[in-house]
Amino acid sequence: LGVVPQQDTLDFELTVRENVLIYGRYFGLSRRELKPRIEELLDFVQLTERAGDKVEPLSGGMKRRLTIARSLVNDPELLLLDEPTTGLDPQARHVVWDRLFRLKQRGKTFVVTTHYMDEAEQLCDRLVVIDDGVIVALGSPVELIREHSSREVCELRFEVDQQEQAAEKVADLSARVEVLPDRVLVYAEDGEAVAQEVHARGLAPRTTLVRRSTLEDVFLRLTGRSLAN
């Protein structure tokens, strides 16, 4: 079992290499066993050049990758990851995703908790959506989108003084139309057809965006848009 906690628990007074070494010793691994293992792990998480550096000055993304390397030192079959990319910039997030995807290709099993729906869609084969401690949906990303959303979403942004009137005029375009303060969302199998019909009705949104449905659409439909306690 390997664990990547939400908050990094690295030893800041030690170097990158020493952090992995000390953690490996907790599992009873000898220094001889650990030496090649550490080099392999640091190469895997792209930290070889920082192996002799102290942890404190490292960026958040580097610390996260080091935490992942440390969690793999005992070659676990199951890896638990709690919010693995929280607080990271987009570039650092994608580097972490790439490393985790490679582990997945090697046959590692993950259990991930995350509030990033794009992360869940990238990494997970099977998802559990939990709201207030209750499981409200279960399935693969494709299955959840198919069951709880449409194939596409047409996002319409109108002038503020036209929003309410425009929303009434597009309400019949789909079985599910969501009116938000800044835009109207029309859930449909063919978003382009919706956009064309909107313009055919003489409406002139400031912007029109047709996109595929995502897990975020599913999550918000199942749990609501209001903030939970």
Protein backbone atom coordinates (compact mmCIF):
# COMPACT_ATOMS: atom_id res chain seq x y z
CA LEU A 1 0.00 0.00 0.00
CA GLY A 2 1.22 3.50 -0.89
CA VAL A 3 -0.33 6.75 0.35
CA VAL A 4 -0.18 10.27 -1.10
CA PRO A 5 -1.83 12.52 1.53
CA GLN A 6 -3.53 15.80 0.64
CA GLN A 7 -0.87 17.77 2.49
CA ASP A 8 2.76 16.92 1.75
CA THR A 9 4.52 15.52 4.83
CA LEU A 10 8.07 15.76 3.55
CA ASP A 11 11.09 16.33 5.79
CA PHE A 12 12.21 19.81 4.77
CA GLU A 13 15.60 19.59 6.49
CA LEU A 14 16.54 16.56 4.35
CA THR A 15 17.44 16.41 0.69
CA VAL A 16 15.18 15.01 -2.01
CA ARG A 17 17.13 11.74 -2.09
CA GLU A 18 17.21 11.44 1.71
CA ASN A 19 13.43 11.83 1.92
CA VAL A 20 12.94 8.74 -0.21
CA LEU A 21 15.76 6.87 1.54
CA ILE A 22 14.39 7.42 5.06
CA TYR A 23 10.89 6.44 3.97
CA GLY A 24 12.22 3.26 2.38
CA ARG A 25 14.01 2.33 5.59
CA TYR A 26 10.64 2.41 7.40
CA PHE A 27 9.68 -0.56 5.22
CA GLY A 28 12.81 -2.46 6.18
CA LEU A 29 14.52 -1.99 2.83
CA SER A 30 18.32 -2.03 2.92
CA ARG A 31 20.46 0.80 1.59
CA ARG A 32 21.71 -1.57 -1.11
CA GLU A 33 18.14 -2.24 -2.24
CA LEU A 34 17.18 1.40 -2.03
CA LYS A 35 20.05 2.94 -3.98
CA PRO A 36 18.91 1.86 -7.48
CA ARG A 37 15.27 2.14 -6.46
CA ILE A 38 15.68 5.78 -5.44
CA GLU A 39 17.46 6.69 -8.66
CA GLU A 40 14.70 5.00 -10.67
CA LEU A 41 11.94 6.81 -8.77
CA LEU A 42 13.58 10.24 -8.98
CA ASP A 43 14.06 9.75 -12.70
CA PHE A 44 10.42 8.70 -13.02
CA VAL A 45 9.16 11.88 -11.32
CA GLN A 46 11.74 14.06 -13.10
CA LEU A 47 13.66 15.07 -9.98
CA THR A 48 17.07 13.53 -10.67
CA GLU A 49 18.74 16.92 -11.07
CA ARG A 50 17.35 18.04 -7.69
CA ALA A 51 18.30 14.86 -5.80
CA GLY A 52 20.86 16.63 -3.61
CA ASP A 53 18.75 19.73 -2.95
CA LYS A 54 16.87 20.44 0.25
CA VAL A 55 13.09 20.12 -0.01
CA GLU A 56 12.00 23.52 1.29
CA PRO A 57 12.91 25.63 -1.79
CA LEU A 58 11.26 23.21 -4.23
CA SER A 59 8.13 24.30 -6.08
CA GLY A 60 4.74 22.89 -5.11
CA GLY A 61 4.72 20.64 -8.16
CA MET A 62 8.15 19.24 -7.33
CA LYS A 63 7.13 18.54 -3.74
CA ARG A 64 4.04 16.74 -4.98
CA ARG A 65 6.08 14.60 -7.34
CA LEU A 66 8.51 13.80 -4.53
CA THR A 67 5.60 12.72 -2.33
CA ILE A 68 4.47 10.39 -5.12
CA ALA A 69 8.00 8.99 -5.50
CA ARG A 70 8.17 8.39 -1.75
CA SER A 71 4.83 6.58 -1.78
CA LEU A 72 6.17 4.18 -4.43
CA VAL A 73 9.38 3.23 -2.64
CA ASN A 74 7.91 -0.07 -1.37
CA ASP A 75 6.51 -0.91 -4.85
CA PRO A 76 2.86 -0.97 -3.67
CA GLU A 77 0.10 -2.70 -5.61
CA LEU A 78 -2.48 -0.16 -4.40
CA LEU A 79 -1.93 3.61 -4.25
CA LEU A 80 -4.23 5.92 -2.28
CA LEU A 81 -4.15 9.55 -3.47
CA ASP A 82 -5.98 12.31 -1.60
CA GLU A 83 -6.43 15.40 -3.80
CA PRO A 84 -3.14 14.71 -5.64
CA THR A 85 -2.96 18.01 -7.56
CA THR A 86 -4.67 20.51 -5.26
CA GLY A 87 -2.93 23.88 -5.36
CA LEU A 88 -0.78 23.12 -8.40
CA ASP A 89 -0.63 25.27 -11.52
CA PRO A 90 -1.91 23.72 -14.79
CA GLN A 91 1.54 22.74 -16.04
CA ALA A 92 2.45 21.00 -12.77
CA ARG A 93 -0.93 19.25 -12.69
CA HIS A 94 -0.40 17.80 -16.15
CA VAL A 95 3.09 16.56 -15.22
CA VAL A 96 1.61 14.75 -12.20
CA TRP A 97 -1.20 13.33 -14.35
CA ASP A 98 1.36 12.04 -16.85
CA ARG A 99 3.34 10.27 -14.12
CA LEU A 100 0.19 8.72 -12.64
CA PHE A 101 -1.03 7.60 -16.06
CA ARG A 102 2.30 5.85 -16.64
CA LEU A 103 1.92 4.07 -13.30
CA LYS A 104 -1.54 2.99 -14.38
CA GLN A 105 -0.06 1.54 -17.57
CA ARG A 106 2.32 -0.47 -15.39
CA GLY A 107 -0.62 -2.11 -13.67
CA LYS A 108 -0.85 -0.04 -10.49
CA THR A 109 -4.30 0.42 -8.95
CA PHE A 110 -5.36 3.87 -7.71
CA VAL A 111 -8.00 5.05 -5.29
CA VAL A 112 -8.25 8.82 -5.82
CA THR A 113 -10.28 11.45 -4.00
CA THR A 114 -10.59 14.67 -5.97
CA HIS A 115 -12.83 17.68 -6.56
CA TYR A 116 -11.30 18.22 -10.01
CA MET A 117 -13.65 16.53 -12.44
CA ASP A 118 -11.15 16.76 -15.30
CA GLU A 119 -8.67 14.91 -13.08
CA ALA A 120 -11.19 12.16 -12.41
CA GLU A 121 -11.92 11.89 -16.12
CA GLN A 122 -8.19 11.72 -16.95
CA LEU A 123 -7.15 9.14 -14.36
CA CYS A 124 -10.11 6.98 -13.37
CA ASP A 125 -11.82 4.02 -15.02
CA ARG A 126 -14.60 3.89 -12.45
CA LEU A 127 -16.04 6.76 -10.42
CA VAL A 128 -18.13 7.18 -7.30
CA VAL A 129 -19.89 10.52 -6.84
CA ILE A 130 -20.54 11.23 -3.16
CA ASP A 131 -22.79 14.00 -1.87
CA ASP A 132 -23.07 14.64 1.87
CA GLY A 133 -21.66 11.19 2.61
CA VAL A 134 -24.09 9.38 0.30
CA ILE A 135 -23.19 7.65 -2.97
CA VAL A 136 -25.37 9.27 -5.65
CA ALA A 137 -23.81 7.79 -8.80
CA LEU A 138 -21.41 5.05 -9.83
CA GLY A 139 -19.88 4.17 -13.18
CA SER A 140 -17.24 5.00 -15.78
CA PRO A 141 -16.85 8.62 -16.97
CA VAL A 142 -18.59 7.80 -20.25
CA GLU A 143 -21.44 5.99 -18.49
CA LEU A 144 -22.05 8.83 -16.03
CA ILE A 145 -22.11 11.47 -18.77
CA ARG A 146 -24.45 9.36 -20.88
CA GLU A 147 -26.81 8.72 -17.97
CA HIS A 148 -26.87 12.14 -16.31
CA SER A 149 -26.15 14.64 -19.07
CA SER A 150 -26.44 15.14 -22.82
CA ARG A 151 -23.79 14.62 -25.47
CA GLU A 152 -23.20 18.37 -25.88
CA VAL A 153 -23.91 21.68 -24.16
CA CYS A 154 -24.61 24.97 -25.91
CA GLU A 155 -23.56 27.92 -23.74
CA LEU A 156 -25.25 31.22 -24.59
CA ARG A 157 -24.21 34.55 -23.10
CA PHE A 158 -26.60 37.46 -23.59
CA GLU A 159 -26.48 41.09 -22.55
CA VAL A 160 -27.52 41.41 -18.92
CA ASP A 161 -30.76 43.22 -19.74
CA GLN A 162 -31.67 40.54 -22.33
CA GLN A 163 -30.83 37.48 -20.27
CA GLU A 164 -34.23 36.76 -18.75
CA GLN A 165 -36.18 37.33 -21.96
CA ALA A 166 -33.75 35.27 -24.03
CA ALA A 167 -33.88 32.42 -21.53
CA GLU A 168 -37.66 32.21 -21.97
CA LYS A 169 -37.29 32.03 -25.75
CA VAL A 170 -34.86 29.09 -25.66
CA ALA A 171 -36.57 27.16 -22.86
CA ASP A 172 -38.27 24.79 -25.32
CA LEU A 173 -35.09 23.87 -27.20
CA SER A 174 -34.26 21.01 -24.86
CA ALA A 175 -35.64 19.00 -21.98
CA ARG A 176 -32.93 20.55 -19.85
CA VAL A 177 -32.16 24.26 -20.00
CA GLU A 178 -30.27 25.83 -17.11
CA VAL A 179 -30.36 29.58 -16.55
CA LEU A 180 -27.35 30.95 -14.68
CA PRO A 181 -26.62 34.58 -13.76
CA ASP A 182 -24.09 34.97 -16.59
CA ARG A 183 -25.23 32.46 -19.22
CA VAL A 184 -27.86 30.00 -20.39
CA LEU A 185 -26.92 26.33 -20.78
CA VAL A 186 -28.87 24.22 -23.25
CA TYR A 187 -28.13 20.50 -22.91
CA ALA A 188 -28.64 18.70 -26.22
CA GLU A 189 -27.39 15.86 -28.38
CA ASP A 190 -26.57 18.35 -31.16
CA GLY A 191 -25.30 21.64 -29.79
CA GLU A 192 -24.67 23.15 -33.22
CA ALA A 193 -28.31 22.61 -34.17
CA VAL A 194 -29.34 24.43 -30.99
CA ALA A 195 -27.02 27.34 -31.80
CA GLN A 196 -28.46 27.61 -35.31
CA GLU A 197 -32.02 27.58 -33.99
CA VAL A 198 -31.19 30.30 -31.47
CA HIS A 199 -30.01 32.59 -34.27
CA ALA A 200 -32.96 31.57 -36.47
CA ARG A 201 -35.27 32.88 -33.75
CA GLY A 202 -33.66 36.28 -34.01
CA LEU A 203 -31.70 36.05 -30.78
CA ALA A 204 -28.21 37.53 -30.72
CA PRO A 205 -26.11 36.15 -27.86
CA ARG A 206 -22.82 37.95 -27.20
CA THR A 207 -21.03 34.59 -27.36
CA THR A 208 -22.05 31.08 -28.29
CA LEU A 209 -20.01 28.05 -27.28
CA VAL A 210 -20.78 24.45 -28.15
CA ARG A 211 -18.83 21.91 -26.10
CA ARG A 212 -19.09 18.29 -25.09
CA SER A 213 -20.64 17.42 -21.75
CA THR A 214 -18.17 16.81 -18.95
CA LEU A 215 -18.09 15.16 -15.56
CA GLU A 216 -18.43 18.62 -14.05
CA ASP A 217 -21.87 18.91 -15.67
CA VAL A 218 -22.73 15.54 -14.15
CA PHE A 219 -21.39 16.46 -10.72
CA LEU A 220 -23.28 19.76 -10.60
CA ARG A 221 -26.52 18.13 -11.70
CA LEU A 222 -26.24 15.43 -9.04
CA THR A 223 -25.06 17.63 -6.16
CA GLY A 224 -26.39 21.09 -7.04
CA ARG A 225 -24.60 24.40 -7.55
CA SER A 226 -24.98 25.78 -4.03
CA LEU A 227 -22.01 25.52 -1.68
CA ALA A 228 -22.06 22.56 0.69
CA ASN A 229 -21.21 22.90 4.36
